[in-house]
PDB file of N, CA and C in Angstrom:
ATOM      1  N   MET A   1       5.426-101.166 -19.980  1.00  0.00           N
ATOM      2  CA  MET A   1       6.438-102.690 -19.763  1.00  0.00           C
ATOM      3  C   MET A   1       7.375-101.643 -19.790  1.00  0.00           C
ATOM      4  N   VAL A   2       7.927-101.445 -18.490  1.00  0.00           N
ATOM      5  CA  VAL A   2       9.502-100.763 -17.935  1.00  0.00           C
ATOM      6  C   VAL A   2      10.601-101.445 -17.786  1.00  0.00           C
ATOM      7  N   HIS A   3      11.567-101.094 -19.118  1.00  0.00           N
ATOM      8  CA  HIS A   3      12.994-102.195 -18.432  1.00  0.00           C
ATOM      9  C   HIS A   3      13.803-101.299 -17.894  1.00  0.00           C
ATOM     10  N   LEU A   4      14.172-101.901 -16.267  1.00  0.00           N
ATOM     11  CA  LEU A   4      15.598-101.371 -15.388  1.00  0.00           C
ATOM     12  C   LEU A   4      16.612-102.226 -16.228  1.00  0.00           C
ATOM     13  N   PRO A   5      17.675-100.991 -15.614  1.00  0.00           N
ATOM     14  CA  PRO A   5      19.109-101.485 -15.594  1.00  0.00           C
ATOM     15  C   PRO A   5      19.143-102.407 -15.197  1.00  0.00           C
ATOM     16  N   ALA A   6      20.300-103.469 -15.230  1.00  0.00           N
ATOM     17  CA  ALA A   6      20.614-104.787 -14.510  1.00  0.00           C
ATOM     18  C   ALA A   6      21.106-104.031 -13.152  1.00  0.00           C
ATOM     19  N   ASP A   7      21.762-103.042 -12.607  1.00  0.00           N
ATOM     20  CA  ASP A   7      22.329-102.507 -11.496  1.00  0.00           C
ATOM     21  C   ASP A   7      20.805-102.021 -10.715  1.00  0.00           C
ATOM     22  N   VAL A   8      19.764-101.844 -10.968  1.00  0.00           N
ATOM     23  CA  VAL A   8      18.619-101.359 -10.414  1.00  0.00           C
ATOM     24  C   VAL A   8      17.560-102.225 -10.102  1.00  0.00           C
ATOM     25  N   THR A   9      17.034-102.234  -8.952  1.00  0.00           N
ATOM     26  CA  THR A   9      16.185-103.525  -8.204  1.00  0.00           C
ATOM     27  C   THR A   9      14.828-102.650  -8.035  1.00  0.00           C
ATOM     28  N   ALA A  10      14.374-102.650  -8.596  1.00  0.00           N
ATOM     29  CA  ALA A  10      12.716-102.676  -7.816  1.00  0.00           C
ATOM     30  C   ALA A  10      12.116-102.983  -6.953  1.00  0.00           C
ATOM     31  N   PRO A  11      11.187-102.352  -6.044  1.00  0.00           N
ATOM     32  CA  PRO A  11      10.396-103.036  -5.194  1.00  0.00           C
ATOM     33  C   PRO A  11       9.910-103.969  -5.452  1.00  0.00           C
ATOM     34  N   GLU A  12       9.600-104.583  -4.121  1.00  0.00           N
ATOM     35  CA  GLU A  12       8.746-105.674  -4.666  1.00  0.00           C
ATOM     36  C   GLU A  12       7.066-104.915  -5.311  1.00  0.00           C
ATOM     37  N   ALA A  13       6.491-104.707  -4.115  1.00  0.00           N
ATOM     38  CA  ALA A  13       5.443-103.914  -4.523  1.00  0.00           C
ATOM     39  C   ALA A  13       5.619-102.275  -4.740  1.00  0.00           C
ATOM     40  N   ALA A  14       5.521-101.909  -5.759  1.00  0.00           N
ATOM     41  CA  ALA A  14       5.681-100.660  -6.291  1.00  0.00           C
ATOM     42  C   ALA A  14       4.463-100.027  -7.081  1.00  0.00           C
ATOM     43  N   VAL A  15       4.632 -98.335  -6.395  1.00  0.00           N
ATOM     44  CA  VAL A  15       3.286 -97.791  -7.282  1.00  0.00           C
ATOM     45  C   VAL A  15       4.030 -96.421  -8.061  1.00  0.00           C
ATOM     46  N   VAL A  16       3.663 -96.790  -9.370  1.00  0.00           N
ATOM     47  CA  VAL A  16       4.274 -96.003 -10.600  1.00  0.00           C
ATOM     48  C   VAL A  16       3.293 -95.120 -10.927  1.00  0.00           C
ATOM     49  N   ARG A  17       3.969 -93.523 -11.094  1.00  0.00           N
ATOM     50  CA  ARG A  17       2.841 -92.192 -11.193  1.00  0.00           C
ATOM     51  C   ARG A  17       3.915 -91.428 -12.460  1.00  0.00           C
ATOM     52  N   ARG A  18       3.331 -90.767 -12.944  1.00  0.00           N
ATOM     53  CA  ARG A  18       3.618 -90.101 -14.162  1.00  0.00           C
ATOM     54  C   ARG A  18       3.648 -88.503 -13.240  1.00  0.00           C
ATOM     55  N   ASP A  19       4.672 -87.741 -13.750  1.00  0.00           N
ATOM     56  CA  ASP A  19       5.120 -86.397 -13.116  1.00  0.00           C
ATOM     57  C   ASP A  19       5.755 -85.201 -14.602  1.00  0.00           C
ATOM     58  N   GLY A  20       4.717 -85.474 -15.381  1.00  0.00           N
ATOM     59  CA  GLY A  20       5.379 -84.719 -16.764  1.00  0.00           C
ATOM     60  C   GLY A  20       5.393 -85.634 -17.700  1.00  0.00           C
ATOM     61  N   GLU A  21       6.332 -85.875 -17.864  1.00  0.00           N
ATOM     62  CA  GLU A  21       7.702 -86.467 -18.561  1.00  0.00           C
ATOM     63  C   GLU A  21       8.118 -87.939 -17.936  1.00  0.00           C
ATOM     64  N   ARG A  22       8.056 -87.847 -16.857  1.00  0.00           N
ATOM     65  CA  ARG A  22       8.900 -88.694 -16.071  1.00  0.00           C
ATOM     66  C   ARG A  22       7.894 -89.665 -15.474  1.00  0.00           C
ATOM     67  N   LEU A  23       8.833 -91.168 -15.677  1.00  0.00           N
ATOM     68  CA  LEU A  23       7.733 -91.992 -14.936  1.00  0.00           C
ATOM     69  C   LEU A  23       8.410 -92.120 -13.321  1.00  0.00           C
ATOM     70  N   ILE A  24       7.871 -92.260 -12.397  1.00  0.00           N
ATOM     71  CA  ILE A  24       8.503 -91.929 -11.059  1.00  0.00           C
ATOM     72  C   ILE A  24       8.161 -93.663 -10.139  1.00  0.00           C
ATOM     73  N   ILE A  25       8.942 -94.036  -9.948  1.00  0.00           N
ATOM     74  CA  ILE A  25       8.448 -95.870  -9.073  1.00  0.00           C
ATOM     75  C   ILE A  25       8.961 -95.913  -7.622  1.00  0.00           C
ATOM     76  N   GLU A  26       7.983 -95.693  -6.860  1.00  0.00           N
ATOM     77  CA  GLU A  26       8.309 -96.057  -5.286  1.00  0.00           C
ATOM     78  C   GLU A  26       7.706 -97.248  -4.572  1.00  0.00           C
ATOM     79  N   PRO A  27       8.611 -97.311  -3.435  1.00  0.00           N
ATOM     80  CA  PRO A  27       7.395 -98.597  -2.958  1.00  0.00           C
ATOM     81  C   PRO A  27       6.219 -98.102  -2.047  1.00  0.00           C
ATOM     82  N   ALA A  28       5.462 -99.485  -2.731  1.00  0.00           N
ATOM     83  CA  ALA A  28       3.617 -98.940  -2.413  1.00  0.00           C
ATOM     84  C   ALA A  28       3.949 -99.413  -0.547  1.00  0.00           C
ATOM     85  N   ARG A  29       3.224 -99.113  -0.362  1.00  0.00           N
ATOM     86  CA  ARG A  29       2.845 -98.204   1.576  1.00  0.00           C
ATOM     87  C   ARG A  29       2.336 -99.835   1.524  1.00  0.00           C
ATOM     88  N   ARG A  30       2.728-100.652   2.767  1.00  0.00           N
ATOM     89  CA  ARG A  30       2.246-101.656   3.798  1.00  0.00           C
ATOM     90  C   ARG A  30       1.567-101.463   4.491  1.00  0.00           C
ATOM     91  N   GLY A  31       0.373-102.480   5.592  1.00  0.00           N
ATOM     92  CA  GLY A  31       0.125-101.613   6.395  1.00  0.00           C
ATOM     93  C   GLY A  31       1.587-101.986   7.721  1.00  0.00           C
ATOM     94  N   GLY A  32       0.866-101.079   8.726  1.00  0.00           N
ATOM     95  CA  GLY A  32       1.598-100.718   9.924  1.00  0.00           C
ATOM     96  C   GLY A  32       1.930 -99.672  10.040  1.00  0.00           C
ATOM     97  N   GLU A  33       1.430 -98.553   9.264  1.00  0.00           N
ATOM     98  CA  GLU A  33       2.078 -97.215   9.540  1.00  0.00           C
ATOM     99  C   GLU A  33       1.160 -96.733  11.051  1.00  0.00           C
ATOM    100  N   LEU A  34       0.269 -97.538  11.018  1.00  0.00           N
ATOM    101  CA  LEU A  34      -0.809 -96.937  12.115  1.00  0.00           C
ATOM    102  C   LEU A  34      -0.127 -97.226  13.571  1.00  0.00           C
ATOM    103  N   LYS A  35       0.675 -98.644  13.290  1.00  0.00           N
ATOM    104  CA  LYS A  35       1.154 -99.319  14.537  1.00  0.00           C
ATOM    105  C   LYS A  35       2.288 -98.582  14.664  1.00  0.00           C
ATOM    106  N   SER A  36       3.141 -98.094  13.740  1.00  0.00           N
ATOM    107  CA  SER A  36       4.834 -97.541  14.472  1.00  0.00           C
ATOM    108  C   SER A  36       3.782 -95.993  14.763  1.00  0.00           C
ATOM    109  N   LEU A  37       3.168 -95.320  14.052  1.00  0.00           N
ATOM    110  CA  LEU A  37       2.652 -94.050  14.886  1.00  0.00           C
ATOM    111  C   LEU A  37       1.872 -94.252  15.905  1.00  0.00           C
ATOM    112  N   LEU A  38       1.923 -94.693  16.419  1.00  0.00           N
ATOM    113  CA  LEU A  38       0.968 -95.668  17.906  1.00  0.00           C
ATOM    114  C   LEU A  38       1.815 -95.621  18.708  1.00  0.00           C
ATOM    115  N   GLU A  39       3.335 -96.180  18.212  1.00  0.00           N
ATOM    116  CA  GLU A  39       4.470 -96.963  18.954  1.00  0.00           C
ATOM    117  C   GLU A  39       5.294 -95.548  18.874  1.00  0.00           C
ATOM    118  N   ILE A  40       5.481 -94.560  18.440  1.00  0.00           N
ATOM    119  CA  ILE A  40       5.667 -93.547  19.001  1.00  0.00           C
ATOM    120  C   ILE A  40       5.181 -92.663  19.464  1.00  0.00           C
ATOM    121  N   TRP A  41       3.757 -92.217  19.390  1.00  0.00           N
ATOM    122  CA  TRP A  41       3.516 -91.396  20.585  1.00  0.00           C
ATOM    123  C   TRP A  41       3.404 -92.440  21.778  1.00  0.00           C
ATOM    124  N   ALA A  42       3.492 -93.655  22.490  1.00  0.00           N
ATOM    125  CA  ALA A  42       2.881 -94.338  23.292  1.00  0.00           C
ATOM    126  C   ALA A  42       4.763 -93.979  23.793  1.00  0.00           C
ATOM    127  N   THR A  43       5.477 -93.186  23.352  1.00  0.00           N
ATOM    128  CA  THR A  43       7.035 -93.215  23.594  1.00  0.00           C
ATOM    129  C   THR A  43       7.012 -91.660  24.310  1.00  0.00           C
ATOM    130  N   GLU A  44       5.793 -90.773  23.821  1.00  0.00           N
ATOM    131  CA  GLU A  44       6.072 -89.515  24.110  1.00  0.00           C
ATOM    132  C   GLU A  44       5.135 -89.140  25.795  1.00  0.00           C
ATOM    133  N   ALA A  45       5.331 -88.018  25.858  1.00  0.00           N
ATOM    134  CA  ALA A  45       5.459 -87.313  27.594  1.00  0.00           C
ATOM    135  C   ALA A  45       3.337 -86.917  27.147  1.00  0.00           C
ATOM    136  N   PRO A  46       2.892 -87.042  28.635  1.00  0.00           N
ATOM    137  CA  PRO A  46       1.684 -86.869  28.131  1.00  0.00           C
ATOM    138  C   PRO A  46       1.304 -85.312  27.999  1.00  0.00           C
ATOM    139  N   LEU A  47       0.335 -84.874  27.270  1.00  0.00           N
ATOM    140  CA  LEU A  47       0.037 -83.619  26.497  1.00  0.00           C
ATOM    141  C   LEU A  47       0.013 -82.709  28.240  1.00  0.00           C
ATOM    142  N   GLY A  48       0.449 -81.203  27.658  1.00  0.00           N
ATOM    143  CA  GLY A  48       0.271 -80.382  29.188  1.00  0.00           C
ATOM    144  C   GLY A  48      -1.057 -79.845  29.022  1.00  0.00           C
ATOM    145  N   GLU A  49      -1.136 -79.064  30.077  1.00  0.00           N
ATOM    146  CA  GLU A  49      -2.816 -78.830  30.019  1.00  0.00           C
ATOM    147  C   GLU A  49      -3.199 -77.869  28.817  1.00  0.00           C
ATOM    148  N   HIS A  50      -2.367 -76.729  28.392  1.00  0.00           N
ATOM    149  CA  HIS A  50      -2.362 -76.037  27.015  1.00  0.00           C
ATOM    150  C   HIS A  50      -2.716 -76.654  26.118  1.00  0.00           C
ATOM    151  N   GLU A  51      -2.431 -78.075  26.378  1.00  0.00           N
ATOM    152  CA  GLU A  51      -2.238 -78.928  24.551  1.00  0.00           C
ATOM    153  C   GLU A  51      -3.523 -79.743  24.530  1.00  0.00           C
ATOM    154  N   ARG A  52      -3.816 -79.810  25.435  1.00  0.00           N
ATOM    155  CA  ARG A  52      -5.773 -80.561  25.795  1.00  0.00           C
ATOM    156  C   ARG A  52      -6.719 -79.935  25.041  1.00  0.00           C
ATOM    157  N   LEU A  53      -7.750 -80.660  24.237  1.00  0.00           N
ATOM    158  CA  LEU A  53      -8.956 -79.978  23.821  1.00  0.00           C
ATOM    159  C   LEU A  53      -9.582 -79.747  25.057  1.00  0.00           C
ATOM    160  N   PRO A  54     -10.377 -78.844  24.706  1.00  0.00           N
ATOM    161  CA  PRO A  54     -11.846 -78.437  25.697  1.00  0.00           C
ATOM    162  C   PRO A  54     -12.678 -79.655  26.188  1.00  0.00           C
ATOM    163  N   PRO A  55     -13.687 -79.822  26.991  1.00  0.00           N
ATOM    164  CA  PRO A  55     -14.528 -81.003  27.111  1.00  0.00           C
ATOM    165  C   PRO A  55     -15.758 -80.488  26.224  1.00  0.00           C
ATOM    166  N   ALA A  56     -16.433 -81.150  25.224  1.00  0.00           N
ATOM    167  CA  ALA A  56     -17.148 -81.475  24.703  1.00  0.00           C
ATOM    168  C   ALA A  56     -18.386 -80.713  25.494  1.00  0.00           C
ATOM    169  N   SER A  57     -19.387 -79.277  24.842  1.00  0.00           N
ATOM    170  CA  SER A  57     -19.980 -78.841  25.356  1.00  0.00           C
ATOM    171  C   SER A  57     -21.680 -78.811  25.140  1.00  0.00           C
ATOM    172  N   ARG A  58     -21.549 -80.295  24.105  1.00  0.00           N
ATOM    173  CA  ARG A  58     -23.066 -80.313  23.615  1.00  0.00           C
ATOM    174  C   ARG A  58     -22.616 -81.986  24.134  1.00  0.00           C
ATOM    175  N   SER A  59     -24.353 -82.692  24.515  1.00  0.00           N
ATOM    176  CA  SER A  59     -24.446 -83.646  24.874  1.00  0.00           C
ATOM    177  C   SER A  59     -24.397 -84.569  23.629  1.00  0.00           C
ATOM    178  N   ALA A  60     -24.773 -85.914  23.773  1.00  0.00           N
ATOM    179  CA  ALA A  60     -25.014 -86.534  22.611  1.00  0.00           C
ATOM    180  C   ALA A  60     -26.421 -86.615  21.692  1.00  0.00           C
ATOM    181  N   PRO A  61     -26.476 -86.726  20.609  1.00  0.00           N
ATOM    182  CA  PRO A  61     -27.784 -86.633  20.203  1.00  0.00           C
ATOM    183  C   PRO A  61     -28.431 -87.853  20.584  1.00  0.00           C
ATOM    184  N   ARG A  62     -29.859 -87.197  20.394  1.00  0.00           N
ATOM    185  CA  ARG A  62     -31.069 -88.111  21.000  1.00  0.00           C
ATOM    186  C   ARG A  62     -31.455 -89.676  20.178  1.00  0.00           C
ATOM    187  N   PRO A  63     -31.607 -90.746  20.397  1.00  0.00           N
ATOM    188  CA  PRO A  63     -31.641 -91.933  19.341  1.00  0.00           C
ATOM    189  C   PRO A  63     -33.219 -91.151  18.492  1.00  0.00           C
ATOM    190  N   PHE A  64     -33.055 -91.906  17.665  1.00  0.00           N
ATOM    191  CA  PHE A  64     -34.372 -91.647  16.975  1.00  0.00           C
ATOM    192  C   PHE A  64     -34.661 -92.499  15.523  1.00  0.00           C
ATOM    193  N   ARG A  65     -35.504 -93.109  15.157  1.00  0.00           N
ATOM    194  CA  ARG A  65     -36.222 -93.677  14.413  1.00  0.00           C
ATOM    195  C   ARG A  65     -36.564 -93.481  13.070  1.00  0.00           C
ATOM    196  N   LEU A  66     -36.016 -93.801  11.525  1.00  0.00           N
ATOM    197  CA  LEU A  66     -36.034 -93.573  10.228  1.00  0.00           C
ATOM    198  C   LEU A  66     -37.132 -94.013  10.207  1.00  0.00           C
TER     199      LEU A  66
END
């Protein structure tokens, strides 16, 4: 159990980890990181020709039975 001073508030969901002799309390990540990342990417300009990946040179594998 960790007792925090009265003027310190802990996040509702937290991750506690040890770094040597120190305990580090961080807010837990919640869902939505992917959504925010996609929203940021949506505002960016399309990739230039030099930034695009080349087309795949191999065809898809043929189906097989196990």
